[in-house]
Structures are given as C-alpha cells and as structure tokens.
Amino acid sequence: DVLINATSVGLGDAQAMPDIDPDSLRHGMIV
C-alpha cells in the first residue's frame, strides 16, 4: 500500500533514483 524510500539516495541530487523498477509503482500506491 505504501512504499517508503528510507535511504539517502536522492539527497542533494534531483536525478538520483533508487534502483527499483519504475513500472512496479502502481496507480493509487502511496510513495
């Protein structure tokens, strides 16, 4: 239901993305 990025990936870098499959982010999921 809810995905939480609790890593430092993205801190100070607007282009850094956690190594996940973006297509697994479902409509209605809370991120």
All heavy atoms as atom14 arrays in JSON, in Angstrom:
{
  "sequence": "DVLINATSVGLGDAQAMPDIDPDSLRHGMIV",
  "atom14_mask": [
    [1, 1, 1, 1, 1, 1, 1, 1, 0, 0, 0, 0, 0, 0],
    [1, 1, 1, 1, 1, 1, 1, 0, 0, 0, 0, 0, 0, 0],
    [1, 1, 1, 1, 1, 1, 1, 1, 0, 0, 0, 0, 0, 0],
    [1, 1, 1, 1, 1, 1, 1, 1, 0, 0, 0, 0, 0, 0],
    [1, 1, 1, 1, 1, 1, 1, 1, 0, 0, 0, 0, 0, 0],
    [1, 1, 1, 1, 1, 0, 0, 0, 0, 0, 0, 0, 0, 0],
    [1, 1, 1, 1, 1, 1, 1, 0, 0, 0, 0, 0, 0, 0],
    [1, 1, 1, 1, 1, 1, 0, 0, 0, 0, 0, 0, 0, 0],
    [1, 1, 1, 1, 1, 1, 1, 0, 0, 0, 0, 0, 0, 0],
    [1, 1, 1, 1, 0, 0, 0, 0, 0, 0, 0, 0, 0, 0],
    [1, 1, 1, 1, 1, 1, 1, 1, 0, 0, 0, 0, 0, 0],
    [1, 1, 1, 1, 0, 0, 0, 0, 0, 0, 0, 0, 0, 0],
    [1, 1, 1, 1, 1, 1, 1, 1, 0, 0, 0, 0, 0, 0],
    [1, 1, 1, 1, 1, 0, 0, 0, 0, 0, 0, 0, 0, 0],
    [1, 1, 1, 1, 1, 1, 1, 1, 1, 0, 0, 0, 0, 0],
    [1, 1, 1, 1, 1, 0, 0, 0, 0, 0, 0, 0, 0, 0],
    [1, 1, 1, 1, 1, 1, 1, 1, 0, 0, 0, 0, 0, 0],
    [1, 1, 1, 1, 1, 1, 1, 0, 0, 0, 0, 0, 0, 0],
    [1, 1, 1, 1, 1, 1, 1, 1, 0, 0, 0, 0, 0, 0],
    [1, 1, 1, 1, 1, 1, 1, 1, 0, 0, 0, 0, 0, 0],
    [1, 1, 1, 1, 1, 1, 1, 1, 0, 0, 0, 0, 0, 0],
    [1, 1, 1, 1, 1, 1, 1, 0, 0, 0, 0, 0, 0, 0],
    [1, 1, 1, 1, 1, 1, 1, 1, 0, 0, 0, 0, 0, 0],
    [1, 1, 1, 1, 1, 1, 0, 0, 0, 0, 0, 0, 0, 0],
    [1, 1, 1, 1, 1, 1, 1, 1, 0, 0, 0, 0, 0, 0],
    [1, 1, 1, 1, 1, 1, 1, 1, 1, 1, 1, 0, 0, 0],
    [1, 1, 1, 1, 1, 1, 1, 1, 1, 1, 0, 0, 0, 0],
    [1, 1, 1, 1, 0, 0, 0, 0, 0, 0, 0, 0, 0, 0],
    [1, 1, 1, 1, 1, 1, 1, 1, 0, 0, 0, 0, 0, 0],
    [1, 1, 1, 1, 1, 1, 1, 1, 0, 0, 0, 0, 0, 0],
    [1, 1, 1, 1, 1, 1, 1, 0, 0, 0, 0, 0, 0, 0]
  ],
  "atom14_positions": [
    [[0.82, -1.21, 0.0], [0.0, 0.0, 0.0], [0.86, 1.27, 0.0], [0.5, 2.27, -0.62], [-0.9, 0.04, 1.24], [-1.88, -1.13, 1.29], [-2.62, -1.31, 0.32], [-1.87, -1.86, 2.31], [0.0, 0.0, 0.0], [0.0, 0.0, 0.0], [0.0, 0.0, 0.0], [0.0, 0.0, 0.0], [0.0, 0.0, 0.0], [0.0, 0.0, 0.0]],
    [[1.98, 1.21, 0.73], [2.84, 2.39, 0.87], [4.3, 1.98, 0.68], [4.8, 1.07, 1.36], [2.68, 3.03, 2.27], [3.53, 4.32, 2.36], [1.22, 3.33, 2.58], [0.0, 0.0, 0.0], [0.0, 0.0, 0.0], [0.0, 0.0, 0.0], [0.0, 0.0, 0.0], [0.0, 0.0, 0.0], [0.0, 0.0, 0.0], [0.0, 0.0, 0.0]],
    [[4.98, 2.66, -0.23], [6.42, 2.48, -0.45], [7.16, 3.66, 0.18], [6.76, 4.81, -0.01], [6.73, 2.42, -1.94], [8.22, 2.49, -2.34], [8.95, 1.23, -1.88], [8.39, 2.71, -3.83], [0.0, 0.0, 0.0], [0.0, 0.0, 0.0], [0.0, 0.0, 0.0], [0.0, 0.0, 0.0], [0.0, 0.0, 0.0], [0.0, 0.0, 0.0]],
    [[8.22, 3.36, 0.94], [8.99, 4.42, 1.59], [10.46, 4.29, 1.22], [11.08, 3.24, 1.45], [8.86, 4.34, 3.12], [7.39, 4.37, 3.55], [9.64, 5.48, 3.79], [7.17, 3.96, 4.98], [0.0, 0.0, 0.0], [0.0, 0.0, 0.0], [0.0, 0.0, 0.0], [0.0, 0.0, 0.0], [0.0, 0.0, 0.0], [0.0, 0.0, 0.0]],
    [[11.02, 5.33, 0.65], [12.47, 5.36, 0.43], [13.11, 5.91, 1.69], [13.05, 7.11, 1.97], [12.85, 6.23, -0.76], [14.36, 6.36, -0.89], [15.1, 5.42, -0.63], [14.82, 7.55, -1.26], [0.0, 0.0, 0.0], [0.0, 0.0, 0.0], [0.0, 0.0, 0.0], [0.0, 0.0, 0.0], [0.0, 0.0, 0.0], [0.0, 0.0, 0.0]],
    [[13.74, 5.04, 2.48], [14.4, 5.46, 3.72], [15.91, 5.42, 3.55], [16.65, 5.31, 4.53], [13.97, 4.57, 4.88], [0.0, 0.0, 0.0], [0.0, 0.0, 0.0], [0.0, 0.0, 0.0], [0.0, 0.0, 0.0], [0.0, 0.0, 0.0], [0.0, 0.0, 0.0], [0.0, 0.0, 0.0], [0.0, 0.0, 0.0], [0.0, 0.0, 0.0]],
    [[16.38, 5.52, 2.31], [17.81, 5.6, 2.03], [18.2, 7.04, 1.79], [17.35, 7.94, 1.75], [18.18, 4.76, 0.79], [17.78, 5.47, -0.4], [17.52, 3.39, 0.83], [0.0, 0.0, 0.0], [0.0, 0.0, 0.0], [0.0, 0.0, 0.0], [0.0, 0.0, 0.0], [0.0, 0.0, 0.0], [0.0, 0.0, 0.0], [0.0, 0.0, 0.0]],
    [[19.49, 7.28, 1.56], [19.96, 8.64, 1.25], [20.02, 8.89, -0.25], [20.47, 9.96, -0.68], [21.35, 8.85, 1.86], [22.27, 7.91, 1.34], [0.0, 0.0, 0.0], [0.0, 0.0, 0.0], [0.0, 0.0, 0.0], [0.0, 0.0, 0.0], [0.0, 0.0, 0.0], [0.0, 0.0, 0.0], [0.0, 0.0, 0.0], [0.0, 0.0, 0.0]],
    [[19.57, 7.92, -1.05], [19.59, 8.09, -2.5], [18.67, 9.25, -2.88], [17.48, 9.24, -2.56], [19.15, 6.8, -3.23], [19.08, 7.04, -4.74], [20.1, 5.66, -2.92], [0.0, 0.0, 0.0], [0.0, 0.0, 0.0], [0.0, 0.0, 0.0], [0.0, 0.0, 0.0], [0.0, 0.0, 0.0], [0.0, 0.0, 0.0], [0.0, 0.0, 0.0]],
    [[19.23, 10.24, -3.55], [18.48, 11.42, -3.93], [18.79, 12.65, -3.12], [18.42, 13.77, -3.48], [0.0, 0.0, 0.0], [0.0, 0.0, 0.0], [0.0, 0.0, 0.0], [0.0, 0.0, 0.0], [0.0, 0.0, 0.0], [0.0, 0.0, 0.0], [0.0, 0.0, 0.0], [0.0, 0.0, 0.0], [0.0, 0.0, 0.0], [0.0, 0.0, 0.0]],
    [[19.52, 12.48, -2.0], [19.86, 13.62, -1.17], [20.84, 14.53, -1.92], [21.95, 14.12, -2.26], [20.49, 13.16, 0.15], [20.86, 14.26, 1.14], [19.62, 15.04, 1.56], [21.55, 13.67, 2.36], [0.0, 0.0, 0.0], [0.0, 0.0, 0.0], [0.0, 0.0, 0.0], [0.0, 0.0, 0.0], [0.0, 0.0, 0.0], [0.0, 0.0, 0.0]],
    [[20.39, 15.74, -2.2], [21.22, 16.7, -2.91], [21.37, 16.41, -4.39], [22.16, 17.06, -5.07], [0.0, 0.0, 0.0], [0.0, 0.0, 0.0], [0.0, 0.0, 0.0], [0.0, 0.0, 0.0], [0.0, 0.0, 0.0], [0.0, 0.0, 0.0], [0.0, 0.0, 0.0], [0.0, 0.0, 0.0], [0.0, 0.0, 0.0], [0.0, 0.0, 0.0]],
    [[20.65, 15.43, -4.91], [20.75, 15.05, -6.32], [19.37, 14.75, -6.86], [18.82, 13.66, -6.63], [21.66, 13.83, -6.47], [21.92, 13.44, -7.92], [21.25, 14.01, -8.82], [22.78, 12.58, -8.17], [0.0, 0.0, 0.0], [0.0, 0.0, 0.0], [0.0, 0.0, 0.0], [0.0, 0.0, 0.0], [0.0, 0.0, 0.0], [0.0, 0.0, 0.0]],
    [[18.79, 15.69, -7.59], [17.42, 15.55, -8.07], [17.27, 14.47, -9.13], [16.13, 14.07, -9.45], [16.93, 16.88, -8.63], [0.0, 0.0, 0.0], [0.0, 0.0, 0.0], [0.0, 0.0, 0.0], [0.0, 0.0, 0.0], [0.0, 0.0, 0.0], [0.0, 0.0, 0.0], [0.0, 0.0, 0.0], [0.0, 0.0, 0.0], [0.0, 0.0, 0.0]],
    [[18.37, 13.96, -9.68], [18.29, 12.94, -10.72], [18.53, 11.53, -10.19], [18.3, 10.55, -10.9], [19.31, 13.24, -11.82], [19.19, 14.63, -12.44], [17.77, 14.95, -12.89], [17.11, 14.13, -13.53], [17.28, 16.14, -12.55], [0.0, 0.0, 0.0], [0.0, 0.0, 0.0], [0.0, 0.0, 0.0], [0.0, 0.0, 0.0], [0.0, 0.0, 0.0]],
    [[19.01, 11.39, -8.96], [19.32, 10.07, -8.4], [18.04, 9.33, -8.08], [17.15, 9.85, -7.4], [20.19, 10.21, -7.15], [0.0, 0.0, 0.0], [0.0, 0.0, 0.0], [0.0, 0.0, 0.0], [0.0, 0.0, 0.0], [0.0, 0.0, 0.0], [0.0, 0.0, 0.0], [0.0, 0.0, 0.0], [0.0, 0.0, 0.0], [0.0, 0.0, 0.0]],
    [[17.98, 8.08, -8.53], [16.78, 7.27, -8.37], [17.14, 5.96, -7.7], [18.1, 5.29, -8.09], [16.17, 6.99, -9.76], [14.98, 6.07, -9.77], [13.45, 6.93, -9.33], [12.26, 5.6, -9.6], [0.0, 0.0, 0.0], [0.0, 0.0, 0.0], [0.0, 0.0, 0.0], [0.0, 0.0, 0.0], [0.0, 0.0, 0.0], [0.0, 0.0, 0.0]],
    [[16.41, 5.55, -6.66], [16.66, 4.22, -6.08], [16.53, 3.15, -7.15], [15.72, 3.29, -8.09], [15.55, 4.09, -5.02], [15.18, 5.5, -4.69], [15.33, 6.27, -5.97], [0.0, 0.0, 0.0], [0.0, 0.0, 0.0], [0.0, 0.0, 0.0], [0.0, 0.0, 0.0], [0.0, 0.0, 0.0], [0.0, 0.0, 0.0], [0.0, 0.0, 0.0]],
    [[17.29, 2.09, -7.02], [17.32, 1.05, -8.04], [16.09, 0.16, -7.92], [16.13, -0.95, -7.38], [18.6, 0.21, -7.89], [18.79, -0.76, -9.05], [18.04, -0.65, -10.04], [19.67, -1.63, -8.94], [0.0, 0.0, 0.0], [0.0, 0.0, 0.0], [0.0, 0.0, 0.0], [0.0, 0.0, 0.0], [0.0, 0.0, 0.0], [0.0, 0.0, 0.0]],
    [[14.97, 0.68, -8.43], [13.73, -0.09, -8.47], [13.19, -0.05, -9.89], [13.61, 0.75, -10.73], [12.66, 0.48, -7.51], [12.22, 1.88, -7.96], [13.17, 0.49, -6.08], [10.99, 2.4, -7.25], [0.0, 0.0, 0.0], [0.0, 0.0, 0.0], [0.0, 0.0, 0.0], [0.0, 0.0, 0.0], [0.0, 0.0, 0.0], [0.0, 0.0, 0.0]],
    [[12.24, -0.94, -10.18], [11.55, -0.93, -11.46], [10.43, 0.1, -11.39], [9.45, -0.11, -10.67], [10.98, -2.33, -11.75], [10.24, -2.39, -13.08], [10.16, -1.35, -13.77], [9.73, -3.47, -13.41], [0.0, 0.0, 0.0], [0.0, 0.0, 0.0], [0.0, 0.0, 0.0], [0.0, 0.0, 0.0], [0.0, 0.0, 0.0], [0.0, 0.0, 0.0]],
    [[10.55, 1.23, -12.09], [9.52, 2.27, -12.0], [8.13, 1.77, -12.38], [7.13, 2.27, -11.88], [10.01, 3.34, -12.98], [11.48, 3.09, -13.12], [11.64, 1.61, -13.01], [0.0, 0.0, 0.0], [0.0, 0.0, 0.0], [0.0, 0.0, 0.0], [0.0, 0.0, 0.0], [0.0, 0.0, 0.0], [0.0, 0.0, 0.0], [0.0, 0.0, 0.0]],
    [[8.08, 0.77, -13.26], [6.79, 0.26, -13.7], [6.08, -0.54, -12.61], [4.9, -0.89, -12.76], [6.96, -0.61, -14.95], [7.37, 0.23, -16.17], [7.01, 1.42, -16.19], [8.05, -0.3, -17.05], [0.0, 0.0, 0.0], [0.0, 0.0, 0.0], [0.0, 0.0, 0.0], [0.0, 0.0, 0.0], [0.0, 0.0, 0.0], [0.0, 0.0, 0.0]],
    [[6.78, -0.85, -11.5], [6.12, -1.54, -10.39], [5.43, -0.57, -9.45], [4.79, -0.98, -8.47], [7.14, -2.4, -9.62], [8.12, -1.59, -8.98], [0.0, 0.0, 0.0], [0.0, 0.0, 0.0], [0.0, 0.0, 0.0], [0.0, 0.0, 0.0], [0.0, 0.0, 0.0], [0.0, 0.0, 0.0], [0.0, 0.0, 0.0], [0.0, 0.0, 0.0]],
    [[5.55, 0.73, -9.75], [4.82, 1.75, -8.99], [3.4, 1.79, -9.53], [3.17, 2.22, -10.66], [5.5, 3.11, -9.13], [6.94, 3.21, -8.63], [7.55, 4.56, -9.0], [7.01, 2.98, -7.13], [0.0, 0.0, 0.0], [0.0, 0.0, 0.0], [0.0, 0.0, 0.0], [0.0, 0.0, 0.0], [0.0, 0.0, 0.0], [0.0, 0.0, 0.0]],
    [[2.44, 1.35, -8.75], [1.07, 1.21, -9.23], [0.24, 2.46, -8.96], [0.45, 3.16, -7.96], [0.39, 0.02, -8.54], [0.98, -1.34, -8.87], [0.25, -2.44, -8.09], [0.52, -2.36, -6.65], [-0.29, -1.83, -5.77], [-1.44, -1.27, -6.15], [0.01, -1.82, -4.48], [0.0, 0.0, 0.0], [0.0, 0.0, 0.0], [0.0, 0.0, 0.0]],
    [[-0.71, 2.7, -9.83], [-1.67, 3.78, -9.64], [-2.38, 3.6, -8.3], [-2.85, 2.5, -7.98], [-2.69, 3.78, -10.77], [-3.65, 4.93, -10.72], [-4.78, 4.94, -9.93], [-3.64, 6.13, -11.35], [-5.42, 6.07, -10.07], [-4.76, 6.81, -10.94], [0.0, 0.0, 0.0], [0.0, 0.0, 0.0], [0.0, 0.0, 0.0], [0.0, 0.0, 0.0]],
    [[-2.43, 4.64, -7.51], [-3.09, 4.59, -6.21], [-2.16, 4.26, -5.05], [-2.53, 4.45, -3.89], [0.0, 0.0, 0.0], [0.0, 0.0, 0.0], [0.0, 0.0, 0.0], [0.0, 0.0, 0.0], [0.0, 0.0, 0.0], [0.0, 0.0, 0.0], [0.0, 0.0, 0.0], [0.0, 0.0, 0.0], [0.0, 0.0, 0.0], [0.0, 0.0, 0.0]],
    [[-0.97, 3.73, -5.34], [0.02, 3.46, -4.3], [0.49, 4.78, -3.68], [0.56, 5.8, -4.38], [1.21, 2.7, -4.88], [2.33, 2.39, -3.9], [3.79, 1.67, -4.74], [3.16, 0.05, -5.2], [0.0, 0.0, 0.0], [0.0, 0.0, 0.0], [0.0, 0.0, 0.0], [0.0, 0.0, 0.0], [0.0, 0.0, 0.0], [0.0, 0.0, 0.0]],
    [[0.77, 4.77, -2.41], [1.39, 5.94, -1.76], [2.89, 5.74, -1.78], [3.39, 4.7, -1.37], [0.88, 6.1, -0.32], [-0.63, 6.37, -0.31], [1.63, 7.23, 0.4], [-1.24, 6.34, 1.08], [0.0, 0.0, 0.0], [0.0, 0.0, 0.0], [0.0, 0.0, 0.0], [0.0, 0.0, 0.0], [0.0, 0.0, 0.0], [0.0, 0.0, 0.0]],
    [[3.62, 6.73, -2.26], [5.08, 6.68, -2.34], [5.65, 7.84, -1.54], [5.36, 9.0, -1.83], [5.58, 6.72, -3.78], [7.11, 6.69, -3.82], [5.01, 5.55, -4.59], [0.0, 0.0, 0.0], [0.0, 0.0, 0.0], [0.0, 0.0, 0.0], [0.0, 0.0, 0.0], [0.0, 0.0, 0.0], [0.0, 0.0, 0.0], [0.0, 0.0, 0.0]]
  ]
}
